[in-house]
Amino acid sequence: MDLVKAARKGQEAAFLQLFDEHHLPLFRFAYRLTGSVADAEDIVQECFLSLLRPECTYDVKRTPVRTYLFGIVRNQSLKRLRKNNFGVDAVPARSPESEVLRNEMEDAVARAVTELPETQREVLVLAQYEQMPLAEIAQVLGLELGAAKSRLQRARASLKETLAAYAPGLERKR
């Protein structure tokens, strides 16, 4: 029996195993999309709760649970951003504690990623931070593989341009 079915039948150990295996990458993804620890925690909690609901459409035969969960987190993050009226260029507020923990370069990179267009940001976060293969990214986002590759390439080019001031001596070797 797969873990999702077992968790839906009330087996706490199955749910805890699912949670342990997927919580951290889902949280990182939600945080990087929203810029808010509180929002990311809420989104991940809602993601796991939705998996247990009777109306959940997850089917182990159609997609891996990881892909399904990342899709839920993406959709919930986008809803949260729209609800909070964040525009494409808006930089979500960060807590003072998290600012203290970052050095200048980490902050610049995070800001540059956040400022990417939503379509590029989500592909970049999944590829770069979650190490997800492009084929799986395309599936999570409902894209053709070529579109996912193109968005990732544009995101990286945009970051290179935005962050060029932090590495003036580095030039691309041809």
C-alpha atoms as a PDB file:
ATOM      1  CA  MET A   1       0.000   0.000   0.000  1.00  0.00           C
ATOM      2  CA  ASP A   2       1.386   3.426  -0.868  1.00  0.00           C
ATOM      3  CA  LEU A   3       1.932   6.074   1.814  1.00  0.00           C
ATOM      4  CA  VAL A   4      -0.830   8.382   0.603  1.00  0.00           C
ATOM      5  CA  LYS A   5      -3.476   5.656   0.787  1.00  0.00           C
ATOM      6  CA  ALA A   6      -2.224   4.612   4.202  1.00  0.00           C
ATOM      7  CA  ALA A   7      -2.245   8.210   5.447  1.00  0.00           C
ATOM      8  CA  ARG A   8      -5.781   8.693   4.141  1.00  0.00           C
ATOM      9  CA  LYS A   9      -6.827   5.615   6.114  1.00  0.00           C
ATOM     10  CA  GLY A  10      -5.547   7.262   9.272  1.00  0.00           C
ATOM     11  CA  GLN A  11      -2.148   5.607   9.603  1.00  0.00           C
ATOM     12  CA  GLU A  12      -0.149   8.268  11.404  1.00  0.00           C
ATOM     13  CA  ALA A  13       3.211   6.645  10.616  1.00  0.00           C
ATOM     14  CA  ALA A  14       2.505   6.873   6.886  1.00  0.00           C
ATOM     15  CA  PHE A  15       1.557  10.533   7.147  1.00  0.00           C
ATOM     16  CA  LEU A  16       4.643  11.321   9.226  1.00  0.00           C
ATOM     17  CA  GLN A  17       6.859   9.566   6.697  1.00  0.00           C
ATOM     18  CA  LEU A  18       5.314  11.585   3.841  1.00  0.00           C
ATOM     19  CA  PHE A  19       5.734  14.761   5.855  1.00  0.00           C
ATOM     20  CA  ASP A  20       9.356  13.999   6.790  1.00  0.00           C
ATOM     21  CA  GLU A  21      10.293  13.177   3.196  1.00  0.00           C
ATOM     22  CA  HIS A  22       8.724  16.232   1.585  1.00  0.00           C
ATOM     23  CA  HIS A  23       8.264  19.015   4.145  1.00  0.00           C
ATOM     24  CA  LEU A  24      11.629  20.759   3.882  1.00  0.00           C
ATOM     25  CA  PRO A  25      11.872  21.057   0.068  1.00  0.00           C
ATOM     26  CA  LEU A  26       8.216  22.129  -0.119  1.00  0.00           C
ATOM     27  CA  PHE A  27       8.809  24.751   2.572  1.00  0.00           C
ATOM     28  CA  ARG A  28      11.913  26.090   0.798  1.00  0.00           C
ATOM     29  CA  PHE A  29       9.977  26.317  -2.473  1.00  0.00           C
ATOM     30  CA  ALA A  30       7.038  28.129  -0.862  1.00  0.00           C
ATOM     31  CA  TYR A  31       9.376  30.472   1.011  1.00  0.00           C
ATOM     32  CA  ARG A  32      11.328  31.354  -2.100  1.00  0.00           C
ATOM     33  CA  LEU A  33       8.130  32.054  -4.003  1.00  0.00           C
ATOM     34  CA  THR A  34       6.470  34.119  -1.276  1.00  0.00           C
ATOM     35  CA  GLY A  35       9.397  35.521   0.734  1.00  0.00           C
ATOM     36  CA  SER A  36       7.502  34.849   3.961  1.00  0.00           C
ATOM     37  CA  VAL A  37       8.202  32.167   6.553  1.00  0.00           C
ATOM     38  CA  ALA A  38       4.654  32.389   7.904  1.00  0.00           C
ATOM     39  CA  ASP A  39       3.089  32.097   4.446  1.00  0.00           C
ATOM     40  CA  ALA A  40       5.375  29.206   3.534  1.00  0.00           C
ATOM     41  CA  GLU A  41       4.462  27.330   6.729  1.00  0.00           C
ATOM     42  CA  ASP A  42       0.741  27.880   6.087  1.00  0.00           C
ATOM     43  CA  ILE A  43       1.045  26.795   2.460  1.00  0.00           C
ATOM     44  CA  VAL A  44       2.894  23.580   3.293  1.00  0.00           C
ATOM     45  CA  GLN A  45       0.418  22.754   6.053  1.00  0.00           C
ATOM     46  CA  GLU A  46      -2.481  23.284   3.633  1.00  0.00           C
ATOM     47  CA  CYS A  47      -0.670  21.158   1.046  1.00  0.00           C
ATOM     48  CA  PHE A  48      -0.490  18.152   3.349  1.00  0.00           C
ATOM     49  CA  LEU A  49      -4.037  18.630   4.609  1.00  0.00           C
ATOM     50  CA  SER A  50      -5.370  18.762   1.053  1.00  0.00           C
ATOM     51  CA  LEU A  51      -3.650  15.452   0.325  1.00  0.00           C
ATOM     52  CA  LEU A  52      -5.746  13.834   3.059  1.00  0.00           C
ATOM     53  CA  ARG A  53      -9.082  15.289   1.997  1.00  0.00           C
ATOM     54  CA  PRO A  54     -11.575  12.961   0.262  1.00  0.00           C
ATOM     55  CA  GLU A  55     -11.859  15.322  -2.725  1.00  0.00           C
ATOM     56  CA  CYS A  56      -8.099  15.137  -3.366  1.00  0.00           C
ATOM     57  CA  THR A  57      -7.389  14.195  -6.980  1.00  0.00           C
ATOM     58  CA  TYR A  58      -3.953  12.661  -6.426  1.00  0.00           C
ATOM     59  CA  ASP A  59      -3.475   9.424  -8.349  1.00  0.00           C
ATOM     60  CA  VAL A  60      -0.261   7.452  -7.851  1.00  0.00           C
ATOM     61  CA  LYS A  61      -0.633   6.054 -11.386  1.00  0.00           C
ATOM     62  CA  ARG A  62      -0.549   9.530 -12.975  1.00  0.00           C
ATOM     63  CA  THR A  63       2.225  11.338 -11.138  1.00  0.00           C
ATOM     64  CA  PRO A  64       4.737  10.893  -8.313  1.00  0.00           C
ATOM     65  CA  VAL A  65       3.584  12.303  -4.973  1.00  0.00           C
ATOM     66  CA  ARG A  66       6.523  14.735  -4.936  1.00  0.00           C
ATOM     67  CA  THR A  67       5.429  16.268  -8.234  1.00  0.00           C
ATOM     68  CA  TYR A  68       1.841  16.521  -7.040  1.00  0.00           C
ATOM     69  CA  LEU A  69       2.852  18.188  -3.767  1.00  0.00           C
ATOM     70  CA  PHE A  70       5.087  20.731  -5.505  1.00  0.00           C
ATOM     71  CA  GLY A  71       2.170  21.546  -7.798  1.00  0.00           C
ATOM     72  CA  ILE A  72      -0.093  22.180  -4.808  1.00  0.00           C
ATOM     73  CA  VAL A  73       2.522  24.375  -3.135  1.00  0.00           C
ATOM     74  CA  ARG A  74       3.013  26.340  -6.348  1.00  0.00           C
ATOM     75  CA  ASN A  75      -0.707  26.940  -6.756  1.00  0.00           C
ATOM     76  CA  GLN A  76      -1.171  27.909  -3.105  1.00  0.00           C
ATOM     77  CA  SER A  77       1.828  30.272  -3.271  1.00  0.00           C
ATOM     78  CA  LEU A  78       0.493  31.979  -6.373  1.00  0.00           C
ATOM     79  CA  LYS A  79      -2.939  32.370  -4.768  1.00  0.00           C
ATOM     80  CA  ARG A  80      -1.336  33.838  -1.653  1.00  0.00           C
ATOM     81  CA  LEU A  81       0.742  36.277  -3.692  1.00  0.00           C
ATOM     82  CA  ARG A  82      -2.293  37.414  -5.662  1.00  0.00           C
ATOM     83  CA  LYS A  83      -4.334  37.781  -2.477  1.00  0.00           C
ATOM     84  CA  ASN A  84      -1.601  39.904  -0.923  1.00  0.00           C
ATOM     85  CA  ASN A  85      -1.508  42.015  -4.108  1.00  0.00           C
ATOM     86  CA  PHE A  86       2.148  41.393  -4.777  1.00  0.00           C
ATOM     87  CA  GLY A  87       3.024  42.452  -8.294  1.00  0.00           C
ATOM     88  CA  VAL A  88       5.611  40.749 -10.462  1.00  0.00           C
ATOM     89  CA  ASP A  89       8.255  43.271  -9.390  1.00  0.00           C
ATOM     90  CA  ALA A  90       7.316  43.469  -5.717  1.00  0.00           C
ATOM     91  CA  VAL A  91       9.809  42.350  -3.109  1.00  0.00           C
ATOM     92  CA  PRO A  92       8.083  40.618  -0.202  1.00  0.00           C
ATOM     93  CA  ALA A  93       8.951  41.999   3.236  1.00  0.00           C
ATOM     94  CA  ARG A  94      11.415  39.959   5.228  1.00  0.00           C
ATOM     95  CA  SER A  95      11.602  39.667   8.990  1.00  0.00           C
ATOM     96  CA  PRO A  96      14.402  41.568  10.769  1.00  0.00           C
ATOM     97  CA  GLU A  97      15.755  38.278  12.121  1.00  0.00           C
ATOM     98  CA  SER A  98      16.233  36.822   8.655  1.00  0.00           C
ATOM     99  CA  GLU A  99      17.940  40.017   7.453  1.00  0.00           C
ATOM    100  CA  VAL A 100      20.507  39.781  10.262  1.00  0.00           C
ATOM    101  CA  LEU A 101      21.365  36.225   9.230  1.00  0.00           C
ATOM    102  CA  ARG A 102      22.067  37.094   5.609  1.00  0.00           C
ATOM    103  CA  ASN A 103      25.218  38.646   4.299  1.00  0.00           C
ATOM    104  CA  GLU A 104      25.085  41.243   1.540  1.00  0.00           C
ATOM    105  CA  MET A 105      25.558  38.833  -1.342  1.00  0.00           C
ATOM    106  CA  GLU A 106      22.931  36.360  -0.170  1.00  0.00           C
ATOM    107  CA  ASP A 107      20.496  39.232   0.166  1.00  0.00           C
ATOM    108  CA  ALA A 108      21.293  40.507  -3.308  1.00  0.00           C
ATOM    109  CA  VAL A 109      20.768  37.066  -4.843  1.00  0.00           C
ATOM    110  CA  ALA A 110      17.518  36.526  -2.969  1.00  0.00           C
ATOM    111  CA  ARG A 111      16.254  39.938  -4.047  1.00  0.00           C
ATOM    112  CA  ALA A 112      17.228  39.294  -7.647  1.00  0.00           C
ATOM    113  CA  VAL A 113      15.432  35.935  -7.648  1.00  0.00           C
ATOM    114  CA  THR A 114      12.330  37.496  -6.110  1.00  0.00           C
ATOM    115  CA  GLU A 115      12.314  40.225  -8.739  1.00  0.00           C
ATOM    116  CA  LEU A 116      12.273  37.718 -11.581  1.00  0.00           C
ATOM    117  CA  PRO A 117       8.967  37.381 -13.390  1.00  0.00           C
ATOM    118  CA  GLU A 118       6.827  34.778 -11.670  1.00  0.00           C
ATOM    119  CA  THR A 119       7.085  32.331 -14.589  1.00  0.00           C
ATOM    120  CA  GLN A 120      10.888  32.431 -14.529  1.00  0.00           C
ATOM    121  CA  ARG A 121      11.211  32.473 -10.755  1.00  0.00           C
ATOM    122  CA  GLU A 122       9.293  29.252 -10.155  1.00  0.00           C
ATOM    123  CA  VAL A 123      11.318  27.343 -12.782  1.00  0.00           C
ATOM    124  CA  LEU A 124      14.602  28.673 -11.392  1.00  0.00           C
ATOM    125  CA  VAL A 125      13.716  27.848  -7.787  1.00  0.00           C
ATOM    126  CA  LEU A 126      12.738  24.287  -8.645  1.00  0.00           C
ATOM    127  CA  ALA A 127      15.832  23.721 -10.801  1.00  0.00           C
ATOM    128  CA  GLN A 128      18.473  25.537  -8.789  1.00  0.00           C
ATOM    129  CA  TYR A 129      17.376  25.203  -5.189  1.00  0.00           C
ATOM    130  CA  GLU A 130      15.347  21.995  -5.269  1.00  0.00           C
ATOM    131  CA  GLN A 131      17.535  20.257  -7.878  1.00  0.00           C
ATOM    132  CA  MET A 132      14.428  19.068  -9.720  1.00  0.00           C
ATOM    133  CA  PRO A 133      14.966  17.717 -13.261  1.00  0.00           C
ATOM    134  CA  LEU A 134      13.555  19.870 -16.062  1.00  0.00           C
ATOM    135  CA  ALA A 135      11.119  17.150 -17.126  1.00  0.00           C
ATOM    136  CA  GLU A 136       9.615  17.099 -13.641  1.00  0.00           C
ATOM    137  CA  ILE A 137       9.550  20.905 -13.498  1.00  0.00           C
ATOM    138  CA  ALA A 138       7.652  20.947 -16.779  1.00  0.00           C
ATOM    139  CA  GLN A 139       5.163  18.462 -15.345  1.00  0.00           C
ATOM    140  CA  VAL A 140       4.689  20.404 -12.081  1.00  0.00           C
ATOM    141  CA  LEU A 141       4.102  23.654 -13.957  1.00  0.00           C
ATOM    142  CA  GLY A 142       2.064  22.144 -16.792  1.00  0.00           C
ATOM    143  CA  LEU A 143       4.557  23.199 -19.467  1.00  0.00           C
ATOM    144  CA  GLU A 144       6.237  21.663 -22.453  1.00  0.00           C
ATOM    145  CA  LEU A 145       9.855  20.703 -21.739  1.00  0.00           C
ATOM    146  CA  GLY A 146      11.129  23.320 -24.206  1.00  0.00           C
ATOM    147  CA  ALA A 147       9.161  26.068 -22.456  1.00  0.00           C
ATOM    148  CA  ALA A 148      10.619  25.081 -19.078  1.00  0.00           C
ATOM    149  CA  LYS A 149      14.150  25.124 -20.541  1.00  0.00           C
ATOM    150  CA  SER A 150      13.535  28.514 -22.128  1.00  0.00           C
ATOM    151  CA  ARG A 151      12.197  30.025 -18.892  1.00  0.00           C
ATOM    152  CA  LEU A 152      15.165  28.681 -16.951  1.00  0.00           C
ATOM    153  CA  GLN A 153      17.599  30.100 -19.498  1.00  0.00           C
ATOM    154  CA  ARG A 154      15.899  33.531 -19.383  1.00  0.00           C
ATOM    155  CA  ALA A 155      15.901  33.488 -15.568  1.00  0.00           C
ATOM    156  CA  ARG A 156      19.604  32.720 -15.413  1.00  0.00           C
ATOM    157  CA  ALA A 157      20.412  35.392 -18.010  1.00  0.00           C
ATOM    158  CA  SER A 158      18.380  37.943 -16.062  1.00  0.00           C
ATOM    159  CA  LEU A 159      20.143  37.043 -12.806  1.00  0.00           C
ATOM    160  CA  LYS A 160      23.518  37.311 -14.496  1.00  0.00           C
ATOM    161  CA  GLU A 161      22.661  40.796 -15.698  1.00  0.00           C
ATOM    162  CA  THR A 162      21.168  41.894 -12.372  1.00  0.00           C
ATOM    163  CA  LEU A 163      24.062  40.577 -10.302  1.00  0.00           C
ATOM    164  CA  ALA A 164      26.872  41.650 -12.659  1.00  0.00           C
ATOM    165  CA  ALA A 165      27.721  44.586 -10.379  1.00  0.00           C
ATOM    166  CA  TYR A 166      28.663  42.134  -7.613  1.00  0.00           C
ATOM    167  CA  ALA A 167      31.239  40.362  -9.775  1.00  0.00           C
ATOM    168  CA  PRO A 168      32.741  42.998 -12.072  1.00  0.00           C
ATOM    169  CA  GLY A 169      35.909  41.020 -12.768  1.00  0.00           C
ATOM    170  CA  LEU A 170      34.074  37.953 -13.997  1.00  0.00           C
ATOM    171  CA  GLU A 171      33.509  37.829 -17.709  1.00  0.00           C
ATOM    172  CA  ARG A 172      32.126  34.973 -19.649  1.00  0.00           C
ATOM    173  CA  LYS A 173      34.888  33.100 -21.446  1.00  0.00           C
ATOM    174  CA  ARG A 174      34.139  32.233 -25.031  1.00  0.00           C
END
